[in-house]
Amino acid sequence: MFGLFQLAPLAWVAVNSLLVDGQWSLGHFREALGSPFMRQALGNSLWVSALSSVLGLIIAALSSYALYRSSSRLRELVLAFASMTSNFSGVPLAFAFIILLGFNGSLSLLLRQWGLGDDFNLYSTQGLLLIYTYFQIPLGVLLLYPAFDALRDDWQEAAALLGASPWVFWRDIGLPVLWPAIAGTLLILLANAMGAYATAYALTSGNLNLLTIRIASLVAGDIYLEPQLASALAMLLVGMLVLTAVVNQCLLQRSRYAPD
């Protein structure tokens, strides 16, 4: 099943990315990397994904620490809600934000009555960044919260007895312990945002130049079809996602075998 639904389609895309008029060639990759339009799509995807991942990671880290210090009942409720909202993406998420923050959304109308939000445009990159950050937060919480179990209360108490301030504790003990989980979570959030397609397409109707939207337009566009060029772009995306996965596994292995 894994070979049929994962490896075989990936192999088909890889083979088609290397075929130019029936001959083996890297021409599609040279065309993709040499086109300013395609490089812009790659750049837009990278900066939107990176910025939303960093913002989502910061909020998720603060939320995870708050959950770590909260009661077990509240923790269970919030984690259950985070599990649900981490799967709330794609077209339903874009539709929900349009209802709330579109030009005639309920929140937009309310903010205009208060004289706020006149410059905000949900259908632009700032709106896309807001939505991306939103669906990054619950996933970040689910990934980061277990890492806080590695922190022991007696460490902070011992550091305080030795005269260390809370800032010194987090700088010298807390953050080094959490660093592999933080870095790994950041990489997973980056991969999650890089591969997102449905939300961006539903929100912007394909008008925003992102890598996933360009791949879809080359496969099912109304103007011209270049599935082999789309395969080359897809392999570039696969390469970036595989790189993030490998780095994440290295960080996990490093933290797993680190001395106590």
C-alpha atoms as a PDB file:
ATOM      1  CA  MET A   1       0.000   0.000   0.000  1.00  0.00           C
ATOM      2  CA  PHE A   2       2.848   2.373   0.807  1.00  0.00           C
ATOM      3  CA  GLY A   3       4.576   1.574  -2.456  1.00  0.00           C
ATOM      4  CA  LEU A   4       1.384   1.909  -4.460  1.00  0.00           C
ATOM      5  CA  PHE A   5       0.160   5.212  -3.046  1.00  0.00           C
ATOM      6  CA  GLN A   6       3.453   6.883  -2.006  1.00  0.00           C
ATOM      7  CA  LEU A   7       6.485   5.551  -3.854  1.00  0.00           C
ATOM      8  CA  ALA A   8       4.910   4.878  -7.258  1.00  0.00           C
ATOM      9  CA  PRO A   9       3.417   8.399  -7.715  1.00  0.00           C
ATOM     10  CA  LEU A  10       6.664   9.964  -6.490  1.00  0.00           C
ATOM     11  CA  ALA A  11       8.670   7.857  -8.946  1.00  0.00           C
ATOM     12  CA  TRP A  12       6.304   8.847 -11.770  1.00  0.00           C
ATOM     13  CA  VAL A  13       6.753  12.537 -10.958  1.00  0.00           C
ATOM     14  CA  ALA A  14      10.543  12.131 -10.719  1.00  0.00           C
ATOM     15  CA  VAL A  15      10.762  10.373 -14.093  1.00  0.00           C
ATOM     16  CA  ASN A  16       8.555  12.953 -15.824  1.00  0.00           C
ATOM     17  CA  SER A  17      10.603  15.805 -14.393  1.00  0.00           C
ATOM     18  CA  LEU A  18      13.665  14.407 -16.231  1.00  0.00           C
ATOM     19  CA  LEU A  19      11.991  13.860 -19.630  1.00  0.00           C
ATOM     20  CA  VAL A  20      12.194  16.563 -22.321  1.00  0.00           C
ATOM     21  CA  ASP A  21      10.698  15.499 -25.659  1.00  0.00           C
ATOM     22  CA  GLY A  22      11.274  11.886 -24.732  1.00  0.00           C
ATOM     23  CA  GLN A  23      14.935  12.425 -23.832  1.00  0.00           C
ATOM     24  CA  TRP A  24      16.569  12.443 -20.410  1.00  0.00           C
ATOM     25  CA  SER A  25      17.463  16.002 -19.519  1.00  0.00           C
ATOM     26  CA  LEU A  26      17.596  18.575 -16.721  1.00  0.00           C
ATOM     27  CA  GLY A  27      15.987  21.143 -18.991  1.00  0.00           C
ATOM     28  CA  HIS A  28      12.822  21.486 -16.905  1.00  0.00           C
ATOM     29  CA  PHE A  29      14.860  22.169 -13.780  1.00  0.00           C
ATOM     30  CA  ARG A  30      16.935  24.782 -15.633  1.00  0.00           C
ATOM     31  CA  GLU A  31      13.734  26.371 -16.917  1.00  0.00           C
ATOM     32  CA  ALA A  32      12.171  26.391 -13.450  1.00  0.00           C
ATOM     33  CA  LEU A  33      15.212  27.862 -11.735  1.00  0.00           C
ATOM     34  CA  GLY A  34      15.956  30.255 -14.596  1.00  0.00           C
ATOM     35  CA  SER A  35      12.477  31.776 -14.761  1.00  0.00           C
ATOM     36  CA  PRO A  36      12.054  34.963 -12.663  1.00  0.00           C
ATOM     37  CA  PHE A  37       8.357  34.129 -12.305  1.00  0.00           C
ATOM     38  CA  MET A  38       9.085  30.662 -10.901  1.00  0.00           C
ATOM     39  CA  ARG A  39      11.822  32.012  -8.631  1.00  0.00           C
ATOM     40  CA  GLN A  40       9.331  34.570  -7.337  1.00  0.00           C
ATOM     41  CA  ALA A  41       6.874  31.755  -6.585  1.00  0.00           C
ATOM     42  CA  LEU A  42       9.598  29.888  -4.700  1.00  0.00           C
ATOM     43  CA  GLY A  43      10.611  33.024  -2.805  1.00  0.00           C
ATOM     44  CA  ASN A  44       7.026  33.873  -1.872  1.00  0.00           C
ATOM     45  CA  SER A  45       6.432  30.341  -0.600  1.00  0.00           C
ATOM     46  CA  LEU A  46       9.638  30.416   1.430  1.00  0.00           C
ATOM     47  CA  TRP A  47       9.090  33.753   3.154  1.00  0.00           C
ATOM     48  CA  VAL A  48       5.381  33.185   3.885  1.00  0.00           C
ATOM     49  CA  SER A  49       6.151  29.707   5.225  1.00  0.00           C
ATOM     50  CA  ALA A  50       9.152  30.852   7.256  1.00  0.00           C
ATOM     51  CA  LEU A  51       7.444  33.874   8.801  1.00  0.00           C
ATOM     52  CA  SER A  52       4.229  32.003   9.634  1.00  0.00           C
ATOM     53  CA  SER A  53       6.290  29.134  11.100  1.00  0.00           C
ATOM     54  CA  VAL A  54       8.298  31.458  13.356  1.00  0.00           C
ATOM     55  CA  LEU A  55       5.183  33.329  14.521  1.00  0.00           C
ATOM     56  CA  GLY A  56       3.286  30.083  15.056  1.00  0.00           C
ATOM     57  CA  LEU A  57       6.241  28.588  16.931  1.00  0.00           C
ATOM     58  CA  ILE A  58       6.493  31.562  19.318  1.00  0.00           C
ATOM     59  CA  ILE A  59       2.783  31.467  20.135  1.00  0.00           C
ATOM     60  CA  ALA A  60       2.796  27.664  20.402  1.00  0.00           C
ATOM     61  CA  ALA A  61       5.824  27.713  22.750  1.00  0.00           C
ATOM     62  CA  LEU A  62       4.191  30.237  25.083  1.00  0.00           C
ATOM     63  CA  SER A  63       0.912  28.306  24.956  1.00  0.00           C
ATOM     64  CA  SER A  64       2.665  24.984  25.644  1.00  0.00           C
ATOM     65  CA  TYR A  65       4.432  26.412  28.679  1.00  0.00           C
ATOM     66  CA  ALA A  66       1.130  27.832  29.959  1.00  0.00           C
ATOM     67  CA  LEU A  67      -0.481  24.414  29.506  1.00  0.00           C
ATOM     68  CA  TYR A  68       2.448  22.787  31.297  1.00  0.00           C
ATOM     69  CA  ARG A  69       1.735  25.014  34.304  1.00  0.00           C
ATOM     70  CA  SER A  70      -2.061  24.712  34.171  1.00  0.00           C
ATOM     71  CA  SER A  71      -4.438  22.177  35.703  1.00  0.00           C
ATOM     72  CA  SER A  72      -4.828  18.757  34.132  1.00  0.00           C
ATOM     73  CA  ARG A  73      -8.494  19.305  33.208  1.00  0.00           C
ATOM     74  CA  LEU A  74      -7.799  22.549  31.346  1.00  0.00           C
ATOM     75  CA  ARG A  75      -4.796  20.924  29.710  1.00  0.00           C
ATOM     76  CA  GLU A  76      -6.868  18.043  28.384  1.00  0.00           C
ATOM     77  CA  LEU A  77      -9.531  20.371  27.006  1.00  0.00           C
ATOM     78  CA  VAL A  78      -7.023  22.616  25.237  1.00  0.00           C
ATOM     79  CA  LEU A  79      -5.066  19.693  23.805  1.00  0.00           C
ATOM     80  CA  ALA A  80      -8.279  18.115  22.520  1.00  0.00           C
ATOM     81  CA  PHE A  81      -9.228  21.422  20.891  1.00  0.00           C
ATOM     82  CA  ALA A  82      -5.732  21.736  19.398  1.00  0.00           C
ATOM     83  CA  SER A  83      -6.016  18.204  17.972  1.00  0.00           C
ATOM     84  CA  MET A  84      -9.261  19.186  16.272  1.00  0.00           C
ATOM     85  CA  THR A  85      -8.118  22.555  14.930  1.00  0.00           C
ATOM     86  CA  SER A  86      -4.808  21.156  13.654  1.00  0.00           C
ATOM     87  CA  ASN A  87      -6.888  19.337  11.013  1.00  0.00           C
ATOM     88  CA  PHE A  88      -9.017  22.405  10.251  1.00  0.00           C
ATOM     89  CA  SER A  89      -7.378  23.707   7.092  1.00  0.00           C
ATOM     90  CA  GLY A  90      -7.907  23.923   3.360  1.00  0.00           C
ATOM     91  CA  VAL A  91     -11.101  25.315   1.867  1.00  0.00           C
ATOM     92  CA  PRO A  92     -13.151  25.218   5.123  1.00  0.00           C
ATOM     93  CA  LEU A  93     -10.512  27.321   6.897  1.00  0.00           C
ATOM     94  CA  ALA A  94     -10.395  29.872   4.063  1.00  0.00           C
ATOM     95  CA  PHE A  95     -14.211  30.043   4.020  1.00  0.00           C
ATOM     96  CA  ALA A  96     -14.305  30.596   7.791  1.00  0.00           C
ATOM     97  CA  PHE A  97     -11.850  33.495   7.550  1.00  0.00           C
ATOM     98  CA  ILE A  98     -13.785  34.995   4.625  1.00  0.00           C
ATOM     99  CA  ILE A  99     -16.948  34.982   6.763  1.00  0.00           C
ATOM    100  CA  LEU A 100     -15.072  36.650   9.611  1.00  0.00           C
ATOM    101  CA  LEU A 101     -12.535  38.950   7.970  1.00  0.00           C
ATOM    102  CA  GLY A 102     -13.572  39.276   4.330  1.00  0.00           C
ATOM    103  CA  PHE A 103     -14.589  42.648   2.880  1.00  0.00           C
ATOM    104  CA  ASN A 104     -18.100  42.136   4.294  1.00  0.00           C
ATOM    105  CA  GLY A 105     -17.179  39.745   7.081  1.00  0.00           C
ATOM    106  CA  SER A 106     -18.795  40.064  10.478  1.00  0.00           C
ATOM    107  CA  LEU A 107     -15.560  41.022  12.245  1.00  0.00           C
ATOM    108  CA  SER A 108     -14.524  43.370   9.430  1.00  0.00           C
ATOM    109  CA  LEU A 109     -17.811  45.275   9.646  1.00  0.00           C
ATOM    110  CA  LEU A 110     -17.487  45.507  13.420  1.00  0.00           C
ATOM    111  CA  LEU A 111     -13.898  46.777  13.201  1.00  0.00           C
ATOM    112  CA  ARG A 112     -14.888  49.396  10.633  1.00  0.00           C
ATOM    113  CA  GLN A 113     -17.541  50.698  12.998  1.00  0.00           C
ATOM    114  CA  TRP A 114     -14.774  51.180  15.568  1.00  0.00           C
ATOM    115  CA  GLY A 115     -12.530  52.831  12.999  1.00  0.00           C
ATOM    116  CA  LEU A 116     -10.088  49.908  12.853  1.00  0.00           C
ATOM    117  CA  GLY A 117      -8.886  47.488  10.208  1.00  0.00           C
ATOM    118  CA  ASP A 118      -9.368  49.767   7.189  1.00  0.00           C
ATOM    119  CA  ASP A 119      -5.973  48.818   5.736  1.00  0.00           C
ATOM    120  CA  PHE A 120      -6.313  45.061   6.252  1.00  0.00           C
ATOM    121  CA  ASN A 121      -6.965  42.957   3.154  1.00  0.00           C
ATOM    122  CA  LEU A 122      -7.650  39.284   3.773  1.00  0.00           C
ATOM    123  CA  TYR A 123      -7.088  38.431   0.101  1.00  0.00           C
ATOM    124  CA  SER A 124      -3.475  39.640   0.095  1.00  0.00           C
ATOM    125  CA  THR A 125      -0.225  38.237   1.447  1.00  0.00           C
ATOM    126  CA  GLN A 126      -0.961  39.671   4.906  1.00  0.00           C
ATOM    127  CA  GLY A 127      -4.255  37.778   4.995  1.00  0.00           C
ATOM    128  CA  LEU A 128      -2.541  34.606   3.821  1.00  0.00           C
ATOM    129  CA  LEU A 129       0.121  35.062   6.495  1.00  0.00           C
ATOM    130  CA  LEU A 130      -2.593  35.403   9.147  1.00  0.00           C
ATOM    131  CA  ILE A 131      -4.301  32.179   8.044  1.00  0.00           C
ATOM    132  CA  TYR A 132      -1.037  30.261   7.779  1.00  0.00           C
ATOM    133  CA  THR A 133      -0.040  31.365  11.272  1.00  0.00           C
ATOM    134  CA  TYR A 134      -3.459  30.313  12.568  1.00  0.00           C
ATOM    135  CA  PHE A 135      -3.206  26.709  11.385  1.00  0.00           C
ATOM    136  CA  GLN A 136       0.433  26.479  12.497  1.00  0.00           C
ATOM    137  CA  ILE A 137      -0.369  27.191  16.168  1.00  0.00           C
ATOM    138  CA  PRO A 138      -2.332  24.032  17.122  1.00  0.00           C
ATOM    139  CA  LEU A 139       0.168  21.779  15.353  1.00  0.00           C
ATOM    140  CA  GLY A 140       3.006  23.552  17.140  1.00  0.00           C
ATOM    141  CA  VAL A 141       1.275  23.087  20.498  1.00  0.00           C
ATOM    142  CA  LEU A 142       0.807  19.359  19.902  1.00  0.00           C
ATOM    143  CA  LEU A 143       4.466  18.964  18.951  1.00  0.00           C
ATOM    144  CA  LEU A 144       5.980  21.192  21.640  1.00  0.00           C
ATOM    145  CA  TYR A 145       3.903  20.350  24.698  1.00  0.00           C
ATOM    146  CA  PRO A 146       5.450  16.873  25.308  1.00  0.00           C
ATOM    147  CA  ALA A 147       8.912  18.470  25.295  1.00  0.00           C
ATOM    148  CA  PHE A 148       8.071  20.486  28.401  1.00  0.00           C
ATOM    149  CA  ASP A 149       7.735  17.234  30.342  1.00  0.00           C
ATOM    150  CA  ALA A 150      11.542  17.005  30.124  1.00  0.00           C
ATOM    151  CA  LEU A 151      11.798  20.065  32.377  1.00  0.00           C
ATOM    152  CA  ARG A 152      11.803  19.202  36.057  1.00  0.00           C
ATOM    153  CA  ASP A 153      10.528  21.547  38.711  1.00  0.00           C
ATOM    154  CA  ASP A 154      13.469  20.767  40.980  1.00  0.00           C
ATOM    155  CA  TRP A 155      15.879  22.116  38.329  1.00  0.00           C
ATOM    156  CA  GLN A 156      14.371  25.571  38.562  1.00  0.00           C
ATOM    157  CA  GLU A 157      14.238  25.348  42.361  1.00  0.00           C
ATOM    158  CA  ALA A 158      17.890  24.302  42.521  1.00  0.00           C
ATOM    159  CA  ALA A 159      18.876  27.102  40.143  1.00  0.00           C
ATOM    160  CA  ALA A 160      16.985  29.624  42.296  1.00  0.00           C
ATOM    161  CA  LEU A 161      18.735  28.374  45.440  1.00  0.00           C
ATOM    162  CA  LEU A 162      22.073  28.917  43.704  1.00  0.00           C
ATOM    163  CA  GLY A 163      21.088  32.506  42.903  1.00  0.00           C
ATOM    164  CA  ALA A 164      20.063  32.089  39.262  1.00  0.00           C
ATOM    165  CA  SER A 165      17.292  34.345  38.013  1.00  0.00           C
ATOM    166  CA  PRO A 166      14.480  32.937  35.824  1.00  0.00           C
ATOM    167  CA  TRP A 167      16.196  34.444  32.763  1.00  0.00           C
ATOM    168  CA  VAL A 168      19.465  32.668  33.611  1.00  0.00           C
ATOM    169  CA  PHE A 169      17.595  29.377  34.175  1.00  0.00           C
ATOM    170  CA  TRP A 170      15.933  29.536  30.758  1.00  0.00           C
ATOM    171  CA  ARG A 171      19.130  30.654  29.045  1.00  0.00           C
ATOM    172  CA  ASP A 172      21.420  28.002  30.537  1.00  0.00           C
ATOM    173  CA  ILE A 173      19.051  25.098  31.282  1.00  0.00           C
ATOM    174  CA  GLY A 174      15.532  25.434  29.913  1.00  0.00           C
ATOM    175  CA  LEU A 175      16.213  26.464  26.314  1.00  0.00           C
ATOM    176  CA  PRO A 176      19.156  24.048  25.783  1.00  0.00           C
ATOM    177  CA  VAL A 177      16.915  21.170  26.923  1.00  0.00           C
ATOM    178  CA  LEU A 178      14.053  22.294  24.695  1.00  0.00           C
ATOM    179  CA  TRP A 179      16.200  23.337  21.730  1.00  0.00           C
ATOM    180  CA  PRO A 180      15.988  20.047  19.708  1.00  0.00           C
ATOM    181  CA  ALA A 181      12.195  19.994  20.079  1.00  0.00           C
ATOM    182  CA  ILE A 182      11.914  23.689  19.173  1.00  0.00           C
ATOM    183  CA  ALA A 183      14.111  23.325  16.099  1.00  0.00           C
ATOM    184  CA  GLY A 184      12.340  20.144  15.007  1.00  0.00           C
ATOM    185  CA  THR A 185       8.932  21.742  15.448  1.00  0.00           C
ATOM    186  CA  LEU A 186      10.026  24.754  13.414  1.00  0.00           C
ATOM    187  CA  LEU A 187      11.118  22.488  10.562  1.00  0.00           C
ATOM    188  CA  ILE A 188       7.835  20.559  10.623  1.00  0.00           C
ATOM    189  CA  LEU A 189       5.842  23.801  10.608  1.00  0.00           C
ATOM    190  CA  LEU A 190       7.926  25.036   7.691  1.00  0.00           C
ATOM    191  CA  ALA A 191       7.230  21.852   5.736  1.00  0.00           C
ATOM    192  CA  ASN A 192       3.554  22.065   6.658  1.00  0.00           C
ATOM    193  CA  ALA A 193       3.290  25.589   5.260  1.00  0.00           C
ATOM    194  CA  MET A 194       5.395  24.896   2.155  1.00  0.00           C
ATOM    195  CA  GLY A 195       3.056  22.103   1.085  1.00  0.00           C
ATOM    196  CA  ALA A 196      -0.191  23.987   1.739  1.00  0.00           C
ATOM    197  CA  TYR A 197      -2.288  24.556  -1.366  1.00  0.00           C
ATOM    198  CA  ALA A 198      -6.055  24.465  -0.844  1.00  0.00           C
ATOM    199  CA  THR A 199      -6.214  27.342   1.655  1.00  0.00           C
ATOM    200  CA  ALA A 200      -4.115  29.673  -0.488  1.00  0.00           C
ATOM    201  CA  TYR A 201      -6.003  28.804  -3.670  1.00  0.00           C
ATOM    202  CA  ALA A 202      -9.437  29.164  -2.083  1.00  0.00           C
ATOM    203  CA  LEU A 203      -8.487  32.522  -0.581  1.00  0.00           C
ATOM    204  CA  THR A 204      -6.751  34.106  -3.569  1.00  0.00           C
ATOM    205  CA  SER A 205      -8.277  32.110  -6.469  1.00  0.00           C
ATOM    206  CA  GLY A 206      -4.757  31.302  -7.598  1.00  0.00           C
ATOM    207  CA  ASN A 207      -3.767  34.954  -8.061  1.00  0.00           C
ATOM    208  CA  LEU A 208      -0.974  34.826  -5.501  1.00  0.00           C
ATOM    209  CA  ASN A 209       2.274  33.470  -6.919  1.00  0.00           C
ATOM    210  CA  LEU A 210       3.113  30.494  -4.707  1.00  0.00           C
ATOM    211  CA  LEU A 211       4.988  27.342  -5.656  1.00  0.00           C
ATOM    212  CA  THR A 212       2.078  24.972  -4.983  1.00  0.00           C
ATOM    213  CA  ILE A 213      -0.304  27.183  -6.991  1.00  0.00           C
ATOM    214  CA  ARG A 214       2.144  27.259  -9.921  1.00  0.00           C
ATOM    215  CA  ILE A 215       2.384  23.461  -9.863  1.00  0.00           C
ATOM    216  CA  ALA A 216      -1.400  23.154  -9.952  1.00  0.00           C
ATOM    217  CA  SER A 217      -1.731  25.722 -12.762  1.00  0.00           C
ATOM    218  CA  LEU A 218       0.741  23.774 -14.917  1.00  0.00           C
ATOM    219  CA  VAL A 219      -1.218  20.559 -14.392  1.00  0.00           C
ATOM    220  CA  ALA A 220      -4.824  21.785 -14.561  1.00  0.00           C
ATOM    221  CA  GLY A 221      -4.586  25.373 -15.818  1.00  0.00           C
ATOM    222  CA  ASP A 222      -6.852  26.935 -18.422  1.00  0.00           C
ATOM    223  CA  ILE A 223      -4.079  28.642 -20.432  1.00  0.00           C
ATOM    224  CA  TYR A 224      -1.378  26.037 -21.012  1.00  0.00           C
ATOM    225  CA  LEU A 225      -0.430  22.661 -19.618  1.00  0.00           C
ATOM    226  CA  GLU A 226       3.140  21.613 -18.872  1.00  0.00           C
ATOM    227  CA  PRO A 227       2.908  18.592 -16.576  1.00  0.00           C
ATOM    228  CA  GLN A 228       6.608  17.803 -16.926  1.00  0.00           C
ATOM    229  CA  LEU A 229       7.601  21.296 -15.805  1.00  0.00           C
ATOM    230  CA  ALA A 230       5.116  20.885 -12.958  1.00  0.00           C
ATOM    231  CA  SER A 231       6.870  17.630 -12.061  1.00  0.00           C
ATOM    232  CA  ALA A 232      10.208  19.460 -11.892  1.00  0.00           C
ATOM    233  CA  LEU A 233       8.708  22.087  -9.568  1.00  0.00           C
ATOM    234  CA  ALA A 234       7.154  19.314  -7.493  1.00  0.00           C
ATOM    235  CA  MET A 235      10.530  17.588  -7.156  1.00  0.00           C
ATOM    236  CA  LEU A 236      12.089  20.857  -5.973  1.00  0.00           C
ATOM    237  CA  LEU A 237       9.364  21.052  -3.343  1.00  0.00           C
ATOM    238  CA  VAL A 238       9.879  17.392  -2.425  1.00  0.00           C
ATOM    239  CA  GLY A 239      13.612  18.031  -2.070  1.00  0.00           C
ATOM    240  CA  MET A 240      13.034  20.899   0.367  1.00  0.00           C
ATOM    241  CA  LEU A 241      10.551  18.845   2.393  1.00  0.00           C
ATOM    242  CA  VAL A 242      12.863  15.836   2.497  1.00  0.00           C
ATOM    243  CA  LEU A 243      15.703  18.084   3.666  1.00  0.00           C
ATOM    244  CA  THR A 244      13.589  19.427   6.533  1.00  0.00           C
ATOM    245  CA  ALA A 245      12.569  15.867   7.481  1.00  0.00           C
ATOM    246  CA  VAL A 246      16.199  14.663   7.518  1.00  0.00           C
ATOM    247  CA  VAL A 247      17.343  17.609   9.641  1.00  0.00           C
ATOM    248  CA  ASN A 248      14.414  16.993  12.018  1.00  0.00           C
ATOM    249  CA  GLN A 249      15.381  13.337  12.414  1.00  0.00           C
ATOM    250  CA  CYS A 250      18.987  14.320  13.112  1.00  0.00           C
ATOM    251  CA  LEU A 251      17.823  16.679  15.844  1.00  0.00           C
ATOM    252  CA  LEU A 252      15.607  13.965  17.331  1.00  0.00           C
ATOM    253  CA  GLN A 253      18.468  11.482  17.351  1.00  0.00           C
ATOM    254  CA  ARG A 254      20.746  14.040  18.936  1.00  0.00           C
ATOM    255  CA  SER A 255      18.278  14.760  21.721  1.00  0.00           C
ATOM    256  CA  ARG A 256      17.505  11.071  22.246  1.00  0.00           C
ATOM    257  CA  TYR A 257      21.126  10.113  22.854  1.00  0.00           C
ATOM    258  CA  ALA A 258      22.159  13.282  24.645  1.00  0.00           C
ATOM    259  CA  PRO A 259      23.514  12.654  28.171  1.00  0.00           C
ATOM    260  CA  ASP A 260      21.234  13.539  31.079  1.00  0.00           C
END
